[in-house]
Amino acid sequence: MMKNFFSRTRACRAKVFTAAMLALAVATPAFAWEPTKPVEFVIPAGTGGGADQMGRLLQGIVIKYKLMKEPLIVVNKSGGAGAEGFLAIKEAKGDPHKIVISLSNLFTTPMATGVPFNWKDMTPVAMMALDQFVLWTNAEQPYKNAAEYIAAAKAAGPSKFKMAGTGSKQEDQIITVALEKATGTKFIYVPFKGGGEVAVQLVGGHVQSTVNNPIEAVAQWRAGKLRALCVFDDERMPFKAKVTDTQSWNDIPTCKEAGVPTKYTMLRGIFMPPGVTPEQRAFYVDLLTKIAATPDWKEYMEKGAFNPTFMTGDAFTKWLTEAEATHRTLMSEAGFLASNK
């Protein structure tokens, strides 16, 4: 099921636009609708994390290229593992002057907590990218690849190796459980507040591995402190410029290539409140398409080693439906579902 689900996302890649096309797009006539007051851009996470970084980049690109007449104002609503932000959008029915950036807590938070929220309570606008996860170890450890590391974890016995991640019953722990089920290993999962802290713990030798996003561990990887064993995706990351002295993101094998049949990518998407009009949604689809065409966005995609999947319309809705089912299966298998689910 997971193989078909994640592989289909590759087939839905949007076309890459040039800067010239962006310039033409900006010069198009006025829309049937456009914002008439500042737009609140909700980040359902704290400051400094991946969602916050991406949201503020989007805001900066809008300003730089003058893509909106009204300002885009970033507001962090991180309470309840993101539930605060999502509920704020759900309750703003019919208000086209609010948007929210989502990650996979769109699925995991209501499933784990029972909070009365579902992605269908909002209006999907666009998938901006899929964030990758990499299996990292300390470079001073002897494991040269994922197969060697998994073999060592098995040999050590159940719950001898520690896996650090961000939060509990969210993406990092879901991947850890999926990895355990696929390989017959058992880790002690150690949650921390953010990816930066997770990377520091691994560099310090306090844990044996992490499943951090690329952008959260790239500084330590470049410095030779960490080793990237595999990426949890169907294909290698496409970026071939050297990041370390010897490796590019593209040099990291997929976990399947490395003999570890586990995969998971995290949504980075944009939603509006329920009850908005097609014309209002169309404005933001066009806006995000223009943003994805900028060199600034492409540079960010490569810097963070994202899976640069852009998706709107029926394709995005279908992806969300399948992603919800996949997360429910993963959460159920891990024992993470709220008791009333």
C-alpha atoms as a PDB file:
ATOM      1  CA  MET A   1       0.000   0.000   0.000  1.00  0.00           C
ATOM      2  CA  MET A   2       2.693   2.497   1.023  1.00  0.00           C
ATOM      3  CA  LYS A   3       4.771   1.746  -2.092  1.00  0.00           C
ATOM      4  CA  ASN A   4       1.920   2.595  -4.446  1.00  0.00           C
ATOM      5  CA  PHE A   5       0.920   5.649  -2.419  1.00  0.00           C
ATOM      6  CA  PHE A   6       4.293   7.325  -2.271  1.00  0.00           C
ATOM      7  CA  SER A   7       5.416   6.325  -5.767  1.00  0.00           C
ATOM      8  CA  ARG A   8       2.353   7.995  -7.256  1.00  0.00           C
ATOM      9  CA  THR A   9       3.425  11.325  -5.822  1.00  0.00           C
ATOM     10  CA  ARG A  10       6.430  11.261  -8.163  1.00  0.00           C
ATOM     11  CA  ALA A  11       4.164  10.912 -11.176  1.00  0.00           C
ATOM     12  CA  CYS A  12       2.288  14.084 -10.212  1.00  0.00           C
ATOM     13  CA  ARG A  13       5.252  16.469 -10.356  1.00  0.00           C
ATOM     14  CA  ALA A  14       4.358  19.880 -11.747  1.00  0.00           C
ATOM     15  CA  LYS A  15       6.276  21.421 -14.642  1.00  0.00           C
ATOM     16  CA  VAL A  16       9.242  23.570 -13.808  1.00  0.00           C
ATOM     17  CA  PHE A  17       8.719  27.226 -14.726  1.00  0.00           C
ATOM     18  CA  THR A  18      11.364  29.704 -15.820  1.00  0.00           C
ATOM     19  CA  ALA A  19      11.892  33.187 -14.454  1.00  0.00           C
ATOM     20  CA  ALA A  20      10.609  34.585 -17.745  1.00  0.00           C
ATOM     21  CA  MET A  21       7.351  32.707 -17.344  1.00  0.00           C
ATOM     22  CA  LEU A  22       7.070  34.092 -13.824  1.00  0.00           C
ATOM     23  CA  ALA A  23       7.445  37.626 -15.138  1.00  0.00           C
ATOM     24  CA  LEU A  24       4.668  37.013 -17.660  1.00  0.00           C
ATOM     25  CA  ALA A  25       2.462  35.562 -14.934  1.00  0.00           C
ATOM     26  CA  VAL A  26       2.913  38.614 -12.743  1.00  0.00           C
ATOM     27  CA  ALA A  27       1.805  40.808 -15.632  1.00  0.00           C
ATOM     28  CA  THR A  28      -1.511  38.999 -16.115  1.00  0.00           C
ATOM     29  CA  PRO A  29      -4.794  40.951 -15.750  1.00  0.00           C
ATOM     30  CA  ALA A  30      -6.567  41.363 -12.422  1.00  0.00           C
ATOM     31  CA  PHE A  31      -8.302  38.324 -10.976  1.00  0.00           C
ATOM     32  CA  ALA A  32     -12.031  37.843 -10.491  1.00  0.00           C
ATOM     33  CA  TRP A  33     -11.127  38.079  -6.800  1.00  0.00           C
ATOM     34  CA  GLU A  34      -8.073  39.173  -4.864  1.00  0.00           C
ATOM     35  CA  PRO A  35      -7.463  40.080  -1.204  1.00  0.00           C
ATOM     36  CA  THR A  36      -8.865  43.410  -0.059  1.00  0.00           C
ATOM     37  CA  LYS A  37      -7.116  43.412   3.338  1.00  0.00           C
ATOM     38  CA  PRO A  38      -4.005  41.789   4.897  1.00  0.00           C
ATOM     39  CA  VAL A  39      -3.946  37.990   4.709  1.00  0.00           C
ATOM     40  CA  GLU A  40      -3.205  36.064   7.906  1.00  0.00           C
ATOM     41  CA  PHE A  41      -0.805  33.184   7.237  1.00  0.00           C
ATOM     42  CA  VAL A  42      -1.137  30.699  10.091  1.00  0.00           C
ATOM     43  CA  ILE A  43       1.816  28.486  11.020  1.00  0.00           C
ATOM     44  CA  PRO A  44       0.536  25.559  13.178  1.00  0.00           C
ATOM     45  CA  ALA A  45       3.978  25.176  14.771  1.00  0.00           C
ATOM     46  CA  GLY A  46       6.492  27.193  16.767  1.00  0.00           C
ATOM     47  CA  THR A  47       9.062  29.641  15.439  1.00  0.00           C
ATOM     48  CA  GLY A  48      12.275  28.397  13.870  1.00  0.00           C
ATOM     49  CA  GLY A  49      11.062  24.981  12.740  1.00  0.00           C
ATOM     50  CA  GLY A  50      10.598  23.712   9.201  1.00  0.00           C
ATOM     51  CA  ALA A  51       7.019  24.961   8.777  1.00  0.00           C
ATOM     52  CA  ASP A  52       7.927  28.368  10.177  1.00  0.00           C
ATOM     53  CA  GLN A  53      10.985  28.653   7.927  1.00  0.00           C
ATOM     54  CA  MET A  54       8.955  27.750   4.853  1.00  0.00           C
ATOM     55  CA  GLY A  55       6.117  30.086   5.769  1.00  0.00           C
ATOM     56  CA  ARG A  56       8.428  33.047   6.227  1.00  0.00           C
ATOM     57  CA  LEU A  57      10.186  32.251   2.960  1.00  0.00           C
ATOM     58  CA  LEU A  58       6.826  32.316   1.166  1.00  0.00           C
ATOM     59  CA  GLN A  59       6.107  35.665   2.810  1.00  0.00           C
ATOM     60  CA  GLY A  60       9.496  37.008   1.694  1.00  0.00           C
ATOM     61  CA  ILE A  61       9.021  35.872  -1.912  1.00  0.00           C
ATOM     62  CA  VAL A  62       5.597  37.548  -2.058  1.00  0.00           C
ATOM     63  CA  ILE A  63       7.183  40.801  -0.911  1.00  0.00           C
ATOM     64  CA  LYS A  64      10.240  40.546  -3.164  1.00  0.00           C
ATOM     65  CA  TYR A  65       8.280  39.884  -6.362  1.00  0.00           C
ATOM     66  CA  LYS A  66       5.255  42.025  -5.424  1.00  0.00           C
ATOM     67  CA  LEU A  67       2.889  39.096  -5.954  1.00  0.00           C
ATOM     68  CA  MET A  68       0.085  40.519  -3.769  1.00  0.00           C
ATOM     69  CA  LYS A  69      -1.258  44.011  -3.279  1.00  0.00           C
ATOM     70  CA  GLU A  70      -2.070  43.291   0.365  1.00  0.00           C
ATOM     71  CA  PRO A  71       0.533  42.069   2.899  1.00  0.00           C
ATOM     72  CA  LEU A  72       0.880  38.441   3.994  1.00  0.00           C
ATOM     73  CA  ILE A  73       1.215  38.346   7.797  1.00  0.00           C
ATOM     74  CA  VAL A  74       2.732  35.265   9.463  1.00  0.00           C
ATOM     75  CA  VAL A  75       1.091  34.206  12.745  1.00  0.00           C
ATOM     76  CA  ASN A  76       2.319  31.202  14.765  1.00  0.00           C
ATOM     77  CA  LYS A  77      -0.389  29.119  16.460  1.00  0.00           C
ATOM     78  CA  SER A  78       1.420  26.055  17.792  1.00  0.00           C
ATOM     79  CA  GLY A  79      -0.767  24.946  20.692  1.00  0.00           C
ATOM     80  CA  GLY A  80      -1.903  21.329  20.885  1.00  0.00           C
ATOM     81  CA  ALA A  81       0.706  20.027  18.418  1.00  0.00           C
ATOM     82  CA  GLY A  82      -0.739  22.329  15.755  1.00  0.00           C
ATOM     83  CA  ALA A  83      -4.415  21.837  16.639  1.00  0.00           C
ATOM     84  CA  GLU A  84      -4.732  25.518  17.609  1.00  0.00           C
ATOM     85  CA  GLY A  85      -3.772  26.653  14.120  1.00  0.00           C
ATOM     86  CA  PHE A  86      -5.923  24.153  12.247  1.00  0.00           C
ATOM     87  CA  LEU A  87      -8.992  24.841  14.415  1.00  0.00           C
ATOM     88  CA  ALA A  88      -8.540  28.580  13.799  1.00  0.00           C
ATOM     89  CA  ILE A  89      -8.801  27.962  10.061  1.00  0.00           C
ATOM     90  CA  LYS A  90     -11.729  25.562  10.478  1.00  0.00           C
ATOM     91  CA  GLU A  91     -13.616  28.195  12.482  1.00  0.00           C
ATOM     92  CA  ALA A  92     -12.928  30.960   9.921  1.00  0.00           C
ATOM     93  CA  LYS A  93     -15.523  29.584   7.491  1.00  0.00           C
ATOM     94  CA  GLY A  94     -15.836  31.629   4.324  1.00  0.00           C
ATOM     95  CA  ASP A  95     -12.923  33.949   5.174  1.00  0.00           C
ATOM     96  CA  PRO A  96     -10.556  34.150   2.170  1.00  0.00           C
ATOM     97  CA  HIS A  97      -8.096  36.316   4.093  1.00  0.00           C
ATOM     98  CA  LYS A  98      -6.698  33.398   6.092  1.00  0.00           C
ATOM     99  CA  ILE A  99      -4.447  30.560   4.910  1.00  0.00           C
ATOM    100  CA  VAL A 100      -2.444  27.915   6.761  1.00  0.00           C
ATOM    101  CA  ILE A 101       0.653  25.861   6.005  1.00  0.00           C
ATOM    102  CA  SER A 102       0.366  22.208   6.930  1.00  0.00           C
ATOM    103  CA  LEU A 103       2.680  19.343   7.646  1.00  0.00           C
ATOM    104  CA  SER A 104       1.741  15.762   8.429  1.00  0.00           C
ATOM    105  CA  ASN A 105       0.408  16.784  11.843  1.00  0.00           C
ATOM    106  CA  LEU A 106      -2.621  17.589   9.696  1.00  0.00           C
ATOM    107  CA  PHE A 107      -3.295  13.847  10.045  1.00  0.00           C
ATOM    108  CA  THR A 108      -1.389  12.771  13.142  1.00  0.00           C
ATOM    109  CA  THR A 109      -2.617  15.390  15.637  1.00  0.00           C
ATOM    110  CA  PRO A 110      -6.368  14.644  15.388  1.00  0.00           C
ATOM    111  CA  MET A 111      -5.690  10.907  15.234  1.00  0.00           C
ATOM    112  CA  ALA A 112      -3.469  10.941  18.319  1.00  0.00           C
ATOM    113  CA  THR A 113      -5.488  13.402  20.405  1.00  0.00           C
ATOM    114  CA  GLY A 114      -9.087  13.047  19.256  1.00  0.00           C
ATOM    115  CA  VAL A 115      -9.324  16.818  18.648  1.00  0.00           C
ATOM    116  CA  PRO A 116     -12.407  17.465  16.435  1.00  0.00           C
ATOM    117  CA  PHE A 117     -10.613  18.281  13.236  1.00  0.00           C
ATOM    118  CA  ASN A 118     -10.008  16.704   9.822  1.00  0.00           C
ATOM    119  CA  TRP A 119      -8.263  18.008   6.720  1.00  0.00           C
ATOM    120  CA  LYS A 120     -11.669  17.978   4.989  1.00  0.00           C
ATOM    121  CA  ASP A 121     -12.644  20.795   7.375  1.00  0.00           C
ATOM    122  CA  MET A 122     -10.447  23.097   5.260  1.00  0.00           C
ATOM    123  CA  THR A 123     -10.095  23.900   1.558  1.00  0.00           C
ATOM    124  CA  PRO A 124      -6.992  22.330  -0.029  1.00  0.00           C
ATOM    125  CA  VAL A 125      -5.053  24.792  -2.184  1.00  0.00           C
ATOM    126  CA  ALA A 126      -1.662  23.307  -3.091  1.00  0.00           C
ATOM    127  CA  MET A 127       1.051  20.886  -2.070  1.00  0.00           C
ATOM    128  CA  MET A 128       4.259  22.912  -2.091  1.00  0.00           C
ATOM    129  CA  ALA A 129       6.693  20.058  -1.443  1.00  0.00           C
ATOM    130  CA  LEU A 130       7.291  16.823   0.410  1.00  0.00           C
ATOM    131  CA  ASP A 131       9.906  16.954   3.133  1.00  0.00           C
ATOM    132  CA  GLN A 132      12.387  14.108   3.293  1.00  0.00           C
ATOM    133  CA  PHE A 133      13.620  12.094   6.246  1.00  0.00           C
ATOM    134  CA  VAL A 134      17.135  10.679   6.480  1.00  0.00           C
ATOM    135  CA  LEU A 135      18.477   7.983   8.800  1.00  0.00           C
ATOM    136  CA  TRP A 136      21.498   9.587  10.492  1.00  0.00           C
ATOM    137  CA  THR A 137      24.244   8.178  12.713  1.00  0.00           C
ATOM    138  CA  ASN A 138      27.270   9.738  14.373  1.00  0.00           C
ATOM    139  CA  ALA A 139      30.207   9.759  11.949  1.00  0.00           C
ATOM    140  CA  GLU A 140      32.446   8.263  14.644  1.00  0.00           C
ATOM    141  CA  GLN A 141      30.307   5.137  14.758  1.00  0.00           C
ATOM    142  CA  PRO A 142      31.514   2.250  12.555  1.00  0.00           C
ATOM    143  CA  TYR A 143      28.338   1.833  10.481  1.00  0.00           C
ATOM    144  CA  LYS A 144      28.970   2.700   6.822  1.00  0.00           C
ATOM    145  CA  ASN A 145      25.442   1.995   5.584  1.00  0.00           C
ATOM    146  CA  ALA A 146      21.907   1.341   6.812  1.00  0.00           C
ATOM    147  CA  ALA A 147      22.215  -2.429   6.558  1.00  0.00           C
ATOM    148  CA  GLU A 148      25.245  -2.434   8.873  1.00  0.00           C
ATOM    149  CA  TYR A 149      23.460  -0.213  11.359  1.00  0.00           C
ATOM    150  CA  ILE A 150      20.302  -2.329  11.428  1.00  0.00           C
ATOM    151  CA  ALA A 151      22.412  -5.478  11.840  1.00  0.00           C
ATOM    152  CA  ALA A 152      24.172  -3.887  14.807  1.00  0.00           C
ATOM    153  CA  ALA A 153      20.859  -2.852  16.372  1.00  0.00           C
ATOM    154  CA  LYS A 154      19.579  -6.417  16.052  1.00  0.00           C
ATOM    155  CA  ALA A 155      22.770  -7.868  17.491  1.00  0.00           C
ATOM    156  CA  ALA A 156      22.616  -5.524  20.480  1.00  0.00           C
ATOM    157  CA  GLY A 157      19.171  -6.784  21.364  1.00  0.00           C
ATOM    158  CA  PRO A 158      15.766  -5.104  21.879  1.00  0.00           C
ATOM    159  CA  SER A 159      15.724  -1.518  23.177  1.00  0.00           C
ATOM    160  CA  LYS A 160      19.501  -1.139  23.390  1.00  0.00           C
ATOM    161  CA  PHE A 161      19.872   1.514  20.685  1.00  0.00           C
ATOM    162  CA  LYS A 162      18.302   4.972  21.090  1.00  0.00           C
ATOM    163  CA  MET A 163      16.538   6.760  18.229  1.00  0.00           C
ATOM    164  CA  ALA A 164      16.028  10.502  18.722  1.00  0.00           C
ATOM    165  CA  GLY A 165      13.207  12.413  17.076  1.00  0.00           C
ATOM    166  CA  THR A 166      10.992  15.488  17.319  1.00  0.00           C
ATOM    167  CA  GLY A 167       7.856  14.998  19.406  1.00  0.00           C
ATOM    168  CA  SER A 168       5.814  11.931  20.288  1.00  0.00           C
ATOM    169  CA  LYS A 169       3.223  10.119  18.144  1.00  0.00           C
ATOM    170  CA  GLN A 170       4.238  12.301  15.210  1.00  0.00           C
ATOM    171  CA  GLU A 171       6.286  11.804  12.049  1.00  0.00           C
ATOM    172  CA  ASP A 172       9.647  10.880  13.585  1.00  0.00           C
ATOM    173  CA  GLN A 173       8.185   8.275  15.912  1.00  0.00           C
ATOM    174  CA  ILE A 174       5.928   6.899  13.167  1.00  0.00           C
ATOM    175  CA  ILE A 175       8.998   6.341  10.988  1.00  0.00           C
ATOM    176  CA  THR A 176      10.823   4.710  13.891  1.00  0.00           C
ATOM    177  CA  VAL A 177       7.964   2.247  14.452  1.00  0.00           C
ATOM    178  CA  ALA A 178       7.714   1.538  10.711  1.00  0.00           C
ATOM    179  CA  LEU A 179      11.466   0.918  10.641  1.00  0.00           C
ATOM    180  CA  GLU A 180      11.160  -1.489  13.569  1.00  0.00           C
ATOM    181  CA  LYS A 181       8.355  -3.432  11.889  1.00  0.00           C
ATOM    182  CA  ALA A 182      10.193  -3.622   8.558  1.00  0.00           C
ATOM    183  CA  THR A 183      13.496  -4.793  10.026  1.00  0.00           C
ATOM    184  CA  GLY A 184      12.633  -6.623  13.243  1.00  0.00           C
ATOM    185  CA  THR A 185      14.531  -4.143  15.407  1.00  0.00           C
ATOM    186  CA  LYS A 186      13.395  -2.339  18.550  1.00  0.00           C
ATOM    187  CA  PHE A 187      14.661   1.126  19.503  1.00  0.00           C
ATOM    188  CA  ILE A 188      14.235   3.316  22.556  1.00  0.00           C
ATOM    189  CA  TYR A 189      12.557   6.385  21.049  1.00  0.00           C
ATOM    190  CA  VAL A 190      13.715   9.616  22.708  1.00  0.00           C
ATOM    191  CA  PRO A 191      11.617  12.724  21.862  1.00  0.00           C
ATOM    192  CA  PHE A 192      13.025  16.251  21.768  1.00  0.00           C
ATOM    193  CA  LYS A 193      11.460  19.639  21.058  1.00  0.00           C
ATOM    194  CA  GLY A 194      13.063  20.307  17.682  1.00  0.00           C
ATOM    195  CA  GLY A 195      15.236  18.946  14.904  1.00  0.00           C
ATOM    196  CA  GLY A 196      18.187  21.122  15.875  1.00  0.00           C
ATOM    197  CA  GLU A 197      18.273  19.622  19.356  1.00  0.00           C
ATOM    198  CA  VAL A 198      17.914  16.138  17.871  1.00  0.00           C
ATOM    199  CA  ALA A 199      21.018  16.679  15.725  1.00  0.00           C
ATOM    200  CA  VAL A 200      22.993  17.983  18.718  1.00  0.00           C
ATOM    201  CA  GLN A 201      22.097  14.898  20.754  1.00  0.00           C
ATOM    202  CA  LEU A 202      23.392  12.634  17.984  1.00  0.00           C
ATOM    203  CA  VAL A 203      26.623  14.599  17.580  1.00  0.00           C
ATOM    204  CA  GLY A 204      27.129  14.327  21.340  1.00  0.00           C
ATOM    205  CA  GLY A 205      26.751  10.561  21.230  1.00  0.00           C
ATOM    206  CA  HIS A 206      23.727  10.527  23.545  1.00  0.00           C
ATOM    207  CA  VAL A 207      21.698   8.514  21.004  1.00  0.00           C
ATOM    208  CA  GLN A 208      22.721   6.093  18.266  1.00  0.00           C
ATOM    209  CA  SER A 209      20.564   7.446  15.406  1.00  0.00           C
ATOM    210  CA  THR A 210      17.938   9.965  14.300  1.00  0.00           C
ATOM    211  CA  VAL A 211      15.441  10.369  11.459  1.00  0.00           C
ATOM    212  CA  ASN A 212      15.861  14.114  11.030  1.00  0.00           C
ATOM    213  CA  ASN A 213      14.884  16.170   7.977  1.00  0.00           C
ATOM    214  CA  PRO A 214      17.866  17.080   5.765  1.00  0.00           C
ATOM    215  CA  ILE A 215      17.765  20.796   6.555  1.00  0.00           C
ATOM    216  CA  GLU A 216      17.850  20.054  10.295  1.00  0.00           C
ATOM    217  CA  ALA A 217      21.103  18.078  10.141  1.00  0.00           C
ATOM    218  CA  VAL A 218      22.899  19.494   7.111  1.00  0.00           C
ATOM    219  CA  ALA A 219      25.294  21.692   9.136  1.00  0.00           C
ATOM    220  CA  GLN A 220      26.536  18.735  11.189  1.00  0.00           C
ATOM    221  CA  TRP A 221      26.734  16.541   8.085  1.00  0.00           C
ATOM    222  CA  ARG A 222      28.771  19.162   6.244  1.00  0.00           C
ATOM    223  CA  ALA A 223      31.075  19.428   9.264  1.00  0.00           C
ATOM    224  CA  GLY A 224      31.729  15.683   9.189  1.00  0.00           C
ATOM    225  CA  LYS A 225      29.991  15.009  12.502  1.00  0.00           C
ATOM    226  CA  LEU A 226      27.108  12.947  11.124  1.00  0.00           C
ATOM    227  CA  ARG A 227      26.749  10.179   8.531  1.00  0.00           C
ATOM    228  CA  ALA A 228      23.689   9.949   6.259  1.00  0.00           C
ATOM    229  CA  LEU A 229      22.770   6.279   5.816  1.00  0.00           C
ATOM    230  CA  CYS A 230      19.612   6.405   3.676  1.00  0.00           C
ATOM    231  CA  VAL A 231      16.623   8.528   2.681  1.00  0.00           C
ATOM    232  CA  PHE A 232      13.074   7.323   3.342  1.00  0.00           C
ATOM    233  CA  ASP A 233      11.724   7.811  -0.186  1.00  0.00           C
ATOM    234  CA  ASP A 234      11.184   5.819  -3.379  1.00  0.00           C
ATOM    235  CA  GLU A 235      13.923   7.649  -5.263  1.00  0.00           C
ATOM    236  CA  ARG A 236      17.180   9.344  -4.377  1.00  0.00           C
ATOM    237  CA  MET A 237      17.116  13.075  -3.834  1.00  0.00           C
ATOM    238  CA  PRO A 238      17.846  14.781  -7.185  1.00  0.00           C
ATOM    239  CA  PHE A 239      20.377  17.360  -5.959  1.00  0.00           C
ATOM    240  CA  LYS A 240      23.914  16.534  -7.179  1.00  0.00           C
ATOM    241  CA  ALA A 241      25.952  19.495  -5.934  1.00  0.00           C
ATOM    242  CA  LYS A 242      28.431  18.434  -3.247  1.00  0.00           C
ATOM    243  CA  VAL A 243      27.320  19.304   0.283  1.00  0.00           C
ATOM    244  CA  THR A 244      30.178  17.612   2.124  1.00  0.00           C
ATOM    245  CA  ASP A 245      33.674  17.159   0.741  1.00  0.00           C
ATOM    246  CA  THR A 246      32.655  13.860  -0.829  1.00  0.00           C
ATOM    247  CA  GLN A 247      28.857  13.627  -0.995  1.00  0.00           C
ATOM    248  CA  SER A 248      25.816  15.306  -2.497  1.00  0.00           C
ATOM    249  CA  TRP A 249      22.237  14.652  -1.411  1.00  0.00           C
ATOM    250  CA  ASN A 250      21.948  12.446  -4.483  1.00  0.00           C
ATOM    251  CA  ASP A 251      24.735  10.202  -3.182  1.00  0.00           C
ATOM    252  CA  ILE A 252      22.570   9.089  -0.244  1.00  0.00           C
ATOM    253  CA  PRO A 253      20.876   5.794  -1.191  1.00  0.00           C
ATOM    254  CA  THR A 254      17.196   5.175  -0.601  1.00  0.00           C
ATOM    255  CA  CYS A 255      16.514   3.006   2.422  1.00  0.00           C
ATOM    256  CA  LYS A 256      15.143   0.352   0.075  1.00  0.00           C
ATOM    257  CA  GLU A 257      18.452   0.342  -1.832  1.00  0.00           C
ATOM    258  CA  ALA A 258      20.216  -0.091   1.494  1.00  0.00           C
ATOM    259  CA  GLY A 259      18.112  -3.127   2.401  1.00  0.00           C
ATOM    260  CA  VAL A 260      15.743  -1.262   4.718  1.00  0.00           C
ATOM    261  CA  PRO A 261      12.270  -1.318   3.068  1.00  0.00           C
ATOM    262  CA  THR A 262      10.764   1.707   4.830  1.00  0.00           C
ATOM    263  CA  LYS A 263       9.609   5.014   3.332  1.00  0.00           C
ATOM    264  CA  TYR A 264       7.893   8.176   4.513  1.00  0.00           C
ATOM    265  CA  THR A 265       7.691  11.781   3.323  1.00  0.00           C
ATOM    266  CA  MET A 266       6.050  14.744   5.060  1.00  0.00           C
ATOM    267  CA  LEU A 267       3.523  17.109   3.536  1.00  0.00           C
ATOM    268  CA  ARG A 268       4.168  20.819   3.158  1.00  0.00           C
ATOM    269  CA  GLY A 269       0.884  22.204   1.826  1.00  0.00           C
ATOM    270  CA  ILE A 270      -1.361  25.264   1.887  1.00  0.00           C
ATOM    271  CA  PHE A 271      -5.043  25.299   2.886  1.00  0.00           C
ATOM    272  CA  MET A 272      -7.846  27.875   3.217  1.00  0.00           C
ATOM    273  CA  PRO A 273     -10.895  27.884   5.504  1.00  0.00           C
ATOM    274  CA  PRO A 274     -14.008  25.966   4.440  1.00  0.00           C
ATOM    275  CA  GLY A 275     -16.693  27.724   2.442  1.00  0.00           C
ATOM    276  CA  VAL A 276     -14.503  29.932   0.246  1.00  0.00           C
ATOM    277  CA  THR A 277     -15.413  30.485  -3.399  1.00  0.00           C
ATOM    278  CA  PRO A 278     -13.664  28.892  -6.396  1.00  0.00           C
ATOM    279  CA  GLU A 279     -12.467  32.355  -7.453  1.00  0.00           C
ATOM    280  CA  GLN A 280     -10.882  32.977  -4.062  1.00  0.00           C
ATOM    281  CA  ARG A 281      -9.134  29.609  -4.105  1.00  0.00           C
ATOM    282  CA  ALA A 282      -7.960  30.230  -7.697  1.00  0.00           C
ATOM    283  CA  PHE A 283      -6.156  33.379  -6.593  1.00  0.00           C
ATOM    284  CA  TYR A 284      -4.020  31.442  -4.123  1.00  0.00           C
ATOM    285  CA  VAL A 285      -3.381  28.582  -6.537  1.00  0.00           C
ATOM    286  CA  ASP A 286      -1.996  31.119  -8.985  1.00  0.00           C
ATOM    287  CA  LEU A 287      -0.011  32.872  -6.252  1.00  0.00           C
ATOM    288  CA  LEU A 288       1.633  29.629  -5.101  1.00  0.00           C
ATOM    289  CA  THR A 289       2.354  28.592  -8.692  1.00  0.00           C
ATOM    290  CA  LYS A 290       4.227  31.875  -9.176  1.00  0.00           C
ATOM    291  CA  ILE A 291       6.135  31.349  -5.926  1.00  0.00           C
ATOM    292  CA  ALA A 292       7.175  27.848  -7.015  1.00  0.00           C
ATOM    293  CA  ALA A 293       8.539  29.364 -10.230  1.00  0.00           C
ATOM    294  CA  THR A 294      10.999  31.711  -8.521  1.00  0.00           C
ATOM    295  CA  PRO A 295      14.722  30.993  -8.262  1.00  0.00           C
ATOM    296  CA  ASP A 296      14.415  31.705  -4.538  1.00  0.00           C
ATOM    297  CA  TRP A 297      12.037  28.781  -4.084  1.00  0.00           C
ATOM    298  CA  LYS A 298      14.147  26.443  -6.212  1.00  0.00           C
ATOM    299  CA  GLU A 299      17.238  27.369  -4.208  1.00  0.00           C
ATOM    300  CA  TYR A 300      15.340  26.630  -0.982  1.00  0.00           C
ATOM    301  CA  MET A 301      14.193  23.253  -2.347  1.00  0.00           C
ATOM    302  CA  GLU A 302      17.799  22.267  -3.060  1.00  0.00           C
ATOM    303  CA  LYS A 303      19.214  23.695   0.152  1.00  0.00           C
ATOM    304  CA  GLY A 304      16.707  21.713   2.210  1.00  0.00           C
ATOM    305  CA  ALA A 305      16.826  18.658  -0.083  1.00  0.00           C
ATOM    306  CA  PHE A 306      13.043  18.631  -0.437  1.00  0.00           C
ATOM    307  CA  ASN A 307      11.081  16.382  -2.762  1.00  0.00           C
ATOM    308  CA  PRO A 308       9.875  19.256  -5.004  1.00  0.00           C
ATOM    309  CA  THR A 309       6.376  17.930  -5.678  1.00  0.00           C
ATOM    310  CA  PHE A 310       3.834  20.648  -6.534  1.00  0.00           C
ATOM    311  CA  MET A 311       0.182  19.610  -6.728  1.00  0.00           C
ATOM    312  CA  THR A 312      -3.256  21.258  -6.838  1.00  0.00           C
ATOM    313  CA  GLY A 313      -6.861  20.410  -7.604  1.00  0.00           C
ATOM    314  CA  ASP A 314      -8.199  16.868  -7.784  1.00  0.00           C
ATOM    315  CA  ALA A 315      -4.695  15.359  -7.711  1.00  0.00           C
ATOM    316  CA  PHE A 316      -3.977  17.035  -4.372  1.00  0.00           C
ATOM    317  CA  THR A 317      -7.335  15.984  -2.920  1.00  0.00           C
ATOM    318  CA  LYS A 318      -6.705  12.387  -3.993  1.00  0.00           C
ATOM    319  CA  TRP A 319      -3.227  12.490  -2.418  1.00  0.00           C
ATOM    320  CA  LEU A 320      -4.672  13.804   0.849  1.00  0.00           C
ATOM    321  CA  THR A 321      -7.327  11.071   0.924  1.00  0.00           C
ATOM    322  CA  GLU A 322      -4.731   8.353   0.425  1.00  0.00           C
ATOM    323  CA  ALA A 323      -2.293   9.976   2.864  1.00  0.00           C
ATOM    324  CA  GLU A 324      -4.957  10.054   5.568  1.00  0.00           C
ATOM    325  CA  ALA A 325      -5.630   6.335   5.101  1.00  0.00           C
ATOM    326  CA  THR A 326      -1.914   5.560   5.187  1.00  0.00           C
ATOM    327  CA  HIS A 327      -1.392   7.565   8.367  1.00  0.00           C
ATOM    328  CA  ARG A 328      -4.361   5.880  10.025  1.00  0.00           C
ATOM    329  CA  THR A 329      -2.822   2.496   9.248  1.00  0.00           C
ATOM    330  CA  LEU A 330       0.597   3.573  10.520  1.00  0.00           C
ATOM    331  CA  MET A 331      -0.852   5.181  13.655  1.00  0.00           C
ATOM    332  CA  SER A 332      -3.016   2.133  14.358  1.00  0.00           C
ATOM    333  CA  GLU A 333      -0.120  -0.285  13.915  1.00  0.00           C
ATOM    334  CA  ALA A 334       1.994   1.840  16.250  1.00  0.00           C
ATOM    335  CA  GLY A 335      -0.772   2.047  18.858  1.00  0.00           C
ATOM    336  CA  PHE A 336      -0.922   5.834  18.582  1.00  0.00           C
ATOM    337  CA  LEU A 337      -4.635   6.339  17.840  1.00  0.00           C
ATOM    338  CA  ALA A 338      -6.739   8.129  20.464  1.00  0.00           C
ATOM    339  CA  SER A 339      -8.998   5.760  22.379  1.00  0.00           C
ATOM    340  CA  ASN A 340     -12.144   7.135  20.755  1.00  0.00           C
ATOM    341  CA  LYS A 341     -10.877   6.525  17.217  1.00  0.00           C
END
